[in-house]
């Protein structure tokens, strides 16, 4: 448990994006549509890391 009362990101994602047993995933759900700016920032961060390079 985190010291703050905020729900951890992964727990929120799991409750929001994963289907209940016997149900299928909805590919149009917003949690499967990442914001391109955030994706590009993450790729730039990973590429700038001295230990990790994306090819």
Protein backbone atom coordinates (compact mmCIF):
# COMPACT_ATOMS: atom_id res chain seq x y z
CA UNK A 1 0.00 0.00 0.00
CA UNK A 2 1.26 3.46 -0.86
CA UNK A 3 1.60 6.08 1.86
CA UNK A 4 -0.87 8.37 0.08
CA UNK A 5 -4.57 7.65 -0.34
CA UNK A 6 -4.16 7.71 -4.13
CA UNK A 7 -4.80 4.43 -5.96
CA UNK A 8 -1.64 3.18 -7.71
CA UNK A 9 -1.63 3.61 -11.49
CA UNK A 10 -1.42 -0.12 -12.27
CA UNK A 11 -4.33 -0.94 -9.97
CA UNK A 12 -6.46 1.75 -11.62
CA UNK A 13 -5.45 0.52 -15.09
CA UNK A 14 -6.24 -3.08 -14.15
CA UNK A 15 -9.71 -2.18 -12.87
CA UNK A 16 -10.45 0.07 -15.86
CA UNK A 17 -8.91 -1.80 -18.78
CA UNK A 18 -9.01 -5.51 -18.02
CA UNK A 19 -12.27 -7.36 -18.70
CA UNK A 20 -14.10 -9.44 -16.17
CA UNK A 21 -13.81 -13.20 -16.54
CA UNK A 22 -15.72 -14.40 -19.58
CA UNK A 23 -15.79 -10.97 -21.25
CA UNK A 24 -13.68 -9.74 -24.14
CA UNK A 25 -11.44 -6.69 -24.35
CA UNK A 26 -12.86 -3.65 -26.12
CA UNK A 27 -10.09 -2.42 -28.47
CA UNK A 28 -11.83 0.97 -28.78
CA UNK A 29 -11.58 1.68 -25.04
CA UNK A 30 -9.58 4.87 -24.33
CA UNK A 31 -7.01 2.97 -22.26
CA UNK A 32 -5.85 1.28 -25.49
CA UNK A 33 -5.51 4.62 -27.32
CA UNK A 34 -2.36 6.21 -25.88
CA UNK A 35 -1.74 9.90 -26.39
CA UNK A 36 0.87 10.15 -29.14
CA UNK A 37 2.73 12.92 -27.31
CA UNK A 38 3.19 10.72 -24.26
CA UNK A 39 4.33 7.79 -26.41
CA UNK A 40 6.86 9.97 -28.24
CA UNK A 41 8.16 11.36 -24.93
CA UNK A 42 8.62 7.84 -23.58
CA UNK A 43 10.45 6.69 -26.72
CA UNK A 44 12.70 9.78 -26.57
CA UNK A 45 13.45 9.08 -22.90
CA UNK A 46 14.28 5.44 -23.62
CA UNK A 47 16.47 6.39 -26.59
CA UNK A 48 18.38 8.96 -24.52
CA UNK A 49 19.17 6.43 -21.80
CA UNK A 50 22.79 5.30 -21.82
CA UNK A 51 21.77 1.75 -20.90
CA UNK A 52 18.85 1.24 -23.27
CA UNK A 53 18.50 1.94 -26.97
CA UNK A 54 15.48 1.17 -29.14
CA UNK A 55 16.25 -0.09 -32.63
